[in-house]
């Protein structure tokens, strides 16, 4: 069954017939702010629309 509900994460629509959004998750320790922000920037440059960080 397809999702009928659409939500927005920032400006990215997810579900409800929206196009598939490219997503990823950081692999760096979040306490290493410099490495984490560098990884987020690299993912965004590669076309990632949503980046998740575990805290």
N, C-alpha and C. Protein backbone atom coordinates (compact mmCIF):
# COMPACT_ATOMS: atom_id res chain seq x y z
N UNK A 1 0.84 -1.18 0.00
CA UNK A 1 0.00 0.00 0.00
C UNK A 1 0.89 1.24 0.00
N UNK A 2 0.64 2.15 -0.91
CA UNK A 2 1.42 3.38 -1.01
C UNK A 2 0.98 4.37 0.06
N UNK A 3 1.95 5.16 0.52
CA UNK A 3 1.64 6.20 1.50
C UNK A 3 0.80 7.30 0.86
N UNK A 4 -0.23 7.72 1.54
CA UNK A 4 -1.11 8.78 1.05
C UNK A 4 -0.75 10.13 1.67
N UNK A 5 0.07 10.09 2.73
CA UNK A 5 0.39 11.31 3.46
C UNK A 5 1.72 11.86 2.99
N UNK A 6 1.75 13.15 2.72
CA UNK A 6 2.99 13.80 2.33
C UNK A 6 3.43 14.73 3.46
N UNK A 7 4.71 14.64 3.82
CA UNK A 7 5.27 15.55 4.82
C UNK A 7 6.43 16.29 4.18
N UNK A 8 6.88 17.34 4.84
CA UNK A 8 8.05 18.07 4.37
C UNK A 8 9.13 18.03 5.44
N UNK A 9 10.34 17.72 5.01
CA UNK A 9 11.52 17.78 5.86
C UNK A 9 12.33 18.93 5.30
N UNK A 10 12.32 20.05 6.00
CA UNK A 10 12.88 21.27 5.41
C UNK A 10 12.00 21.61 4.22
N UNK A 11 12.58 21.72 3.05
CA UNK A 11 11.81 21.98 1.84
C UNK A 11 11.61 20.75 0.98
N UNK A 12 11.94 19.56 1.50
CA UNK A 12 11.87 18.33 0.72
C UNK A 12 10.59 17.57 1.04
N UNK A 13 9.77 17.33 0.03
CA UNK A 13 8.53 16.57 0.21
C UNK A 13 8.85 15.08 0.22
N UNK A 14 8.22 14.36 1.17
CA UNK A 14 8.42 12.91 1.30
C UNK A 14 7.04 12.25 1.41
N UNK A 15 6.85 11.17 0.64
CA UNK A 15 5.60 10.42 0.67
C UNK A 15 4.51 11.09 -0.15
N UNK A 16 3.34 10.48 -0.18
CA UNK A 16 2.19 11.05 -0.85
C UNK A 16 2.39 11.33 -2.32
N UNK A 17 3.16 10.50 -3.01
CA UNK A 17 3.37 10.67 -4.44
C UNK A 17 4.53 11.58 -4.80
N UNK A 18 5.25 12.10 -3.81
CA UNK A 18 6.42 12.95 -4.09
C UNK A 18 7.53 12.11 -4.71
N UNK A 19 8.39 12.71 -5.53
CA UNK A 19 9.52 11.96 -6.07
C UNK A 19 10.41 11.45 -4.94
N UNK A 20 11.13 10.37 -5.19
CA UNK A 20 12.02 9.80 -4.18
C UNK A 20 13.11 10.82 -3.85
N UNK A 21 13.33 11.07 -2.56
CA UNK A 21 14.38 11.99 -2.11
C UNK A 21 15.62 11.18 -1.76
N UNK A 22 16.77 11.64 -2.22
CA UNK A 22 18.04 10.98 -1.89
C UNK A 22 18.38 11.34 -0.44
N UNK A 23 18.60 10.30 0.38
CA UNK A 23 18.87 10.48 1.81
C UNK A 23 20.12 9.71 2.21
N UNK A 24 20.76 10.18 3.27
CA UNK A 24 21.89 9.46 3.84
C UNK A 24 21.97 9.80 5.32
N UNK A 25 22.91 9.16 6.00
CA UNK A 25 23.13 9.41 7.42
C UNK A 25 24.63 9.58 7.64
N UNK A 26 25.00 10.51 8.51
CA UNK A 26 26.43 10.70 8.78
C UNK A 26 26.97 9.50 9.54
N UNK A 27 28.26 9.25 9.34
CA UNK A 27 28.93 8.13 10.00
C UNK A 27 29.92 8.61 11.05
N UNK A 28 30.10 9.92 11.16
CA UNK A 28 31.07 10.48 12.10
C UNK A 28 30.45 10.65 13.48
N UNK A 29 31.28 10.64 14.53
CA UNK A 29 30.74 10.95 15.86
C UNK A 29 30.23 12.40 15.87
N UNK A 30 29.03 12.64 16.35
CA UNK A 30 28.47 13.99 16.30
C UNK A 30 29.25 14.97 17.18
N UNK A 31 30.00 14.48 18.14
CA UNK A 31 30.82 15.38 18.96
C UNK A 31 31.97 15.96 18.15
N UNK A 32 32.30 15.31 17.02
CA UNK A 32 33.32 15.83 16.11
C UNK A 32 32.61 16.72 15.08
N UNK A 33 32.31 17.94 15.51
CA UNK A 33 31.49 18.85 14.70
C UNK A 33 32.14 19.13 13.35
N UNK A 34 33.44 19.34 13.34
CA UNK A 34 34.13 19.66 12.08
C UNK A 34 33.98 18.53 11.06
N UNK A 35 34.21 17.29 11.49
CA UNK A 35 34.10 16.14 10.58
C UNK A 35 32.65 15.92 10.15
N UNK A 36 31.72 16.11 11.07
CA UNK A 36 30.31 15.90 10.75
C UNK A 36 29.81 16.93 9.75
N UNK A 37 30.16 18.20 9.95
CA UNK A 37 29.72 19.22 9.00
C UNK A 37 30.40 19.04 7.64
N UNK A 38 31.65 18.58 7.64
CA UNK A 38 32.33 18.30 6.37
C UNK A 38 31.63 17.16 5.63
N UNK A 39 31.22 16.14 6.36
CA UNK A 39 30.52 15.02 5.74
C UNK A 39 29.15 15.46 5.21
N UNK A 40 28.45 16.30 5.93
CA UNK A 40 27.16 16.82 5.47
C UNK A 40 27.35 17.62 4.18
N UNK A 41 28.39 18.46 4.14
CA UNK A 41 28.66 19.26 2.93
C UNK A 41 28.98 18.35 1.75
N UNK A 42 29.76 17.29 1.98
CA UNK A 42 30.11 16.36 0.90
C UNK A 42 28.87 15.62 0.40
N UNK A 43 28.01 15.21 1.30
CA UNK A 43 26.77 14.52 0.90
C UNK A 43 25.87 15.46 0.10
N UNK A 44 25.76 16.71 0.54
CA UNK A 44 24.95 17.69 -0.19
C UNK A 44 25.52 17.93 -1.58
N UNK A 45 26.83 18.02 -1.70
CA UNK A 45 27.48 18.22 -3.00
C UNK A 45 27.23 17.04 -3.93
N UNK A 46 27.07 15.84 -3.35
CA UNK A 46 26.83 14.64 -4.14
C UNK A 46 25.35 14.49 -4.53
N UNK A 47 24.50 15.43 -4.07
CA UNK A 47 23.09 15.39 -4.45
C UNK A 47 22.14 14.92 -3.37
N UNK A 48 22.66 14.68 -2.18
CA UNK A 48 21.81 14.23 -1.07
C UNK A 48 20.88 15.37 -0.65
N UNK A 49 19.58 15.06 -0.51
CA UNK A 49 18.60 16.07 -0.16
C UNK A 49 18.26 16.09 1.33
N UNK A 50 18.41 14.95 2.00
CA UNK A 50 18.14 14.84 3.43
C UNK A 50 19.31 14.11 4.07
N UNK A 51 19.90 14.71 5.11
CA UNK A 51 20.99 14.08 5.85
C UNK A 51 20.54 13.92 7.29
N UNK A 52 20.67 12.70 7.80
CA UNK A 52 20.29 12.41 9.18
C UNK A 52 21.54 12.28 10.03
N UNK A 53 21.48 12.76 11.27
CA UNK A 53 22.59 12.65 12.22
C UNK A 53 22.04 12.03 13.50
N UNK A 54 22.72 11.00 14.00
CA UNK A 54 22.33 10.40 15.28
C UNK A 54 23.01 11.18 16.40
N UNK A 55 22.29 11.40 17.47
CA UNK A 55 22.86 12.13 18.60
C UNK A 55 22.84 11.26 19.83
